[in-house]
């Protein structure tokens, strides 16, 4: 069902995934957080503020670099360590040739916020 049988065991382990899927028990927010299924939990009254802050942070990042990071993370599930190190090397080379890399270095040297594409 939408890849759940592939994704869930990688997130929580085979035994937990099997129990969740076969028994259908409800999972508490605390347990989902503990198991690494979710990253963070916000109270209702702070939710919109936290979402806005997260969106602002993401909007300031270089999109090309974010794509490379996501690619590396997504492929890490199927790669061996050696394959992943090769991929990281290749993606670092690609990132290092980008205008965003140059802007990031210049901004750091000039002690200013970067202005990414």
C-alpha atoms as a PDB file:
ATOM      1  CA  UNK A   1       0.000   0.000   0.000  1.00  0.00           C
ATOM      2  CA  UNK A   2       1.984   3.004  -1.283  1.00  0.00           C
ATOM      3  CA  UNK A   3       5.272   1.330  -0.389  1.00  0.00           C
ATOM      4  CA  UNK A   4       4.497   0.969   3.302  1.00  0.00           C
ATOM      5  CA  UNK A   5       5.828  -2.587   3.451  1.00  0.00           C
ATOM      6  CA  UNK A   6       9.152  -1.325   2.099  1.00  0.00           C
ATOM      7  CA  UNK A   7       9.383   1.944   4.043  1.00  0.00           C
ATOM      8  CA  UNK A   8       8.121   0.990   7.495  1.00  0.00           C
ATOM      9  CA  UNK A   9      10.625  -1.820   8.252  1.00  0.00           C
ATOM     10  CA  UNK A  10      13.448   0.544   7.342  1.00  0.00           C
ATOM     11  CA  UNK A  11      12.095   3.159   9.736  1.00  0.00           C
ATOM     12  CA  UNK A  12      11.222   1.051  12.761  1.00  0.00           C
ATOM     13  CA  UNK A  13      12.666  -2.414  12.174  1.00  0.00           C
ATOM     14  CA  UNK A  14      11.079  -5.602  10.894  1.00  0.00           C
ATOM     15  CA  UNK A  15       9.480  -6.759  14.159  1.00  0.00           C
ATOM     16  CA  UNK A  16       7.823  -3.421  14.911  1.00  0.00           C
ATOM     17  CA  UNK A  17       6.636  -3.030  11.324  1.00  0.00           C
ATOM     18  CA  UNK A  18       5.136  -6.501  11.357  1.00  0.00           C
ATOM     19  CA  UNK A  19       3.342  -5.847  14.644  1.00  0.00           C
ATOM     20  CA  UNK A  20       1.991  -2.505  13.450  1.00  0.00           C
ATOM     21  CA  UNK A  21       0.712  -3.933  10.182  1.00  0.00           C
ATOM     22  CA  UNK A  22      -0.637  -7.253  11.423  1.00  0.00           C
ATOM     23  CA  UNK A  23      -2.143  -6.151  14.726  1.00  0.00           C
ATOM     24  CA  UNK A  24      -3.418  -2.739  13.688  1.00  0.00           C
ATOM     25  CA  UNK A  25      -2.770  -1.204  17.103  1.00  0.00           C
ATOM     26  CA  UNK A  26      -2.819   2.568  17.394  1.00  0.00           C
ATOM     27  CA  UNK A  27       0.580   4.165  17.774  1.00  0.00           C
ATOM     28  CA  UNK A  28       1.006   7.059  20.188  1.00  0.00           C
ATOM     29  CA  UNK A  29       2.791  10.234  19.171  1.00  0.00           C
ATOM     30  CA  UNK A  30       5.412   9.582  21.842  1.00  0.00           C
ATOM     31  CA  UNK A  31       6.092   6.085  20.503  1.00  0.00           C
ATOM     32  CA  UNK A  32       6.256   7.329  16.881  1.00  0.00           C
ATOM     33  CA  UNK A  33       8.779   9.945  17.983  1.00  0.00           C
ATOM     34  CA  UNK A  34      10.788   7.393  19.975  1.00  0.00           C
ATOM     35  CA  UNK A  35      10.868   4.990  17.012  1.00  0.00           C
ATOM     36  CA  UNK A  36      12.060   7.662  14.587  1.00  0.00           C
ATOM     37  CA  UNK A  37       8.897   7.661  12.485  1.00  0.00           C
ATOM     38  CA  UNK A  38       8.452  11.388  13.005  1.00  0.00           C
ATOM     39  CA  UNK A  39      11.002  14.090  13.575  1.00  0.00           C
ATOM     40  CA  UNK A  40       9.308  16.550  15.890  1.00  0.00           C
ATOM     41  CA  UNK A  41       5.989  17.255  17.595  1.00  0.00           C
ATOM     42  CA  UNK A  42       4.512  20.699  18.197  1.00  0.00           C
ATOM     43  CA  UNK A  43       1.645  21.699  20.474  1.00  0.00           C
ATOM     44  CA  UNK A  44      -1.442  22.954  18.657  1.00  0.00           C
ATOM     45  CA  UNK A  45      -0.951  26.553  19.787  1.00  0.00           C
ATOM     46  CA  UNK A  46       2.619  26.671  18.417  1.00  0.00           C
ATOM     47  CA  UNK A  47       2.076  24.592  15.282  1.00  0.00           C
ATOM     48  CA  UNK A  48       1.574  27.364  12.703  1.00  0.00           C
ATOM     49  CA  UNK A  49       4.479  29.401  14.064  1.00  0.00           C
ATOM     50  CA  UNK A  50       6.764  26.361  13.889  1.00  0.00           C
ATOM     51  CA  UNK A  51       5.625  25.500  10.355  1.00  0.00           C
ATOM     52  CA  UNK A  52       6.252  29.086   9.229  1.00  0.00           C
ATOM     53  CA  UNK A  53       9.732  29.070  10.788  1.00  0.00           C
ATOM     54  CA  UNK A  54      10.563  25.762   9.122  1.00  0.00           C
ATOM     55  CA  UNK A  55       9.315  27.019   5.746  1.00  0.00           C
ATOM     56  CA  UNK A  56      11.415  30.162   6.109  1.00  0.00           C
ATOM     57  CA  UNK A  57      14.517  28.128   6.941  1.00  0.00           C
ATOM     58  CA  UNK A  58      13.990  25.818   3.967  1.00  0.00           C
ATOM     59  CA  UNK A  59      13.312  28.744   1.615  1.00  0.00           C
ATOM     60  CA  UNK A  60      16.730  30.207   2.450  1.00  0.00           C
ATOM     61  CA  UNK A  61      18.585  27.027   1.456  1.00  0.00           C
ATOM     62  CA  UNK A  62      20.055  26.394  -2.004  1.00  0.00           C
ATOM     63  CA  UNK A  63      17.533  24.234  -3.860  1.00  0.00           C
ATOM     64  CA  UNK A  64      20.204  22.442  -5.895  1.00  0.00           C
ATOM     65  CA  UNK A  65      22.018  21.359  -2.719  1.00  0.00           C
ATOM     66  CA  UNK A  66      18.790  20.259  -1.073  1.00  0.00           C
ATOM     67  CA  UNK A  67      18.072  18.046  -4.093  1.00  0.00           C
ATOM     68  CA  UNK A  68      21.510  16.438  -3.829  1.00  0.00           C
ATOM     69  CA  UNK A  69      21.078  15.793  -0.109  1.00  0.00           C
ATOM     70  CA  UNK A  70      17.676  14.193  -0.684  1.00  0.00           C
ATOM     71  CA  UNK A  71      19.123  12.052  -3.467  1.00  0.00           C
ATOM     72  CA  UNK A  72      21.924  10.822  -1.213  1.00  0.00           C
ATOM     73  CA  UNK A  73      19.565  10.081   1.664  1.00  0.00           C
ATOM     74  CA  UNK A  74      17.068   8.264  -0.550  1.00  0.00           C
ATOM     75  CA  UNK A  75      19.749   6.090  -2.146  1.00  0.00           C
ATOM     76  CA  UNK A  76      21.402   5.312   1.198  1.00  0.00           C
ATOM     77  CA  UNK A  77      18.748   2.692   1.948  1.00  0.00           C
ATOM     78  CA  UNK A  78      19.815   0.536  -0.970  1.00  0.00           C
ATOM     79  CA  UNK A  79      23.538   1.316  -1.191  1.00  0.00           C
ATOM     80  CA  UNK A  80      26.408  -0.405   0.542  1.00  0.00           C
ATOM     81  CA  UNK A  81      28.724   1.888   2.508  1.00  0.00           C
ATOM     82  CA  UNK A  82      31.216   1.810  -0.366  1.00  0.00           C
ATOM     83  CA  UNK A  83      28.529   2.731  -2.892  1.00  0.00           C
ATOM     84  CA  UNK A  84      27.284   5.512  -0.641  1.00  0.00           C
ATOM     85  CA  UNK A  85      30.776   6.950  -0.214  1.00  0.00           C
ATOM     86  CA  UNK A  86      31.201   6.934  -4.000  1.00  0.00           C
ATOM     87  CA  UNK A  87      27.843   8.660  -4.398  1.00  0.00           C
ATOM     88  CA  UNK A  88      28.741  11.280  -1.799  1.00  0.00           C
ATOM     89  CA  UNK A  89      32.019  11.957  -3.607  1.00  0.00           C
ATOM     90  CA  UNK A  90      30.200  12.406  -6.906  1.00  0.00           C
ATOM     91  CA  UNK A  91      27.518  14.636  -5.419  1.00  0.00           C
ATOM     92  CA  UNK A  92      30.134  16.756  -3.623  1.00  0.00           C
ATOM     93  CA  UNK A  93      31.905  17.280  -6.930  1.00  0.00           C
ATOM     94  CA  UNK A  94      28.624  18.295  -8.535  1.00  0.00           C
ATOM     95  CA  UNK A  95      27.769  20.666  -5.686  1.00  0.00           C
ATOM     96  CA  UNK A  96      31.250  22.183  -5.729  1.00  0.00           C
ATOM     97  CA  UNK A  97      30.785  23.292  -9.335  1.00  0.00           C
ATOM     98  CA  UNK A  98      27.553  25.156  -8.617  1.00  0.00           C
ATOM     99  CA  UNK A  99      27.059  28.893  -8.342  1.00  0.00           C
ATOM    100  CA  UNK A 100      25.443  28.270  -4.965  1.00  0.00           C
ATOM    101  CA  UNK A 101      28.680  26.764  -3.657  1.00  0.00           C
ATOM    102  CA  UNK A 102      30.613  29.824  -4.788  1.00  0.00           C
ATOM    103  CA  UNK A 103      28.021  32.112  -3.207  1.00  0.00           C
ATOM    104  CA  UNK A 104      28.131  30.160   0.046  1.00  0.00           C
ATOM    105  CA  UNK A 105      31.916  30.414   0.278  1.00  0.00           C
ATOM    106  CA  UNK A 106      31.905  34.118  -0.599  1.00  0.00           C
ATOM    107  CA  UNK A 107      29.193  34.841   1.954  1.00  0.00           C
ATOM    108  CA  UNK A 108      31.135  32.964   4.626  1.00  0.00           C
ATOM    109  CA  UNK A 109      34.347  34.841   3.845  1.00  0.00           C
ATOM    110  CA  UNK A 110      32.495  38.172   3.822  1.00  0.00           C
ATOM    111  CA  UNK A 111      30.603  37.287   7.024  1.00  0.00           C
ATOM    112  CA  UNK A 112      27.189  37.820   5.448  1.00  0.00           C
ATOM    113  CA  UNK A 113      24.105  35.765   4.734  1.00  0.00           C
ATOM    114  CA  UNK A 114      24.258  33.933   1.387  1.00  0.00           C
ATOM    115  CA  UNK A 115      21.873  34.790  -1.424  1.00  0.00           C
ATOM    116  CA  UNK A 116      21.273  31.457  -3.153  1.00  0.00           C
ATOM    117  CA  UNK A 117      19.630  30.929  -6.559  1.00  0.00           C
END
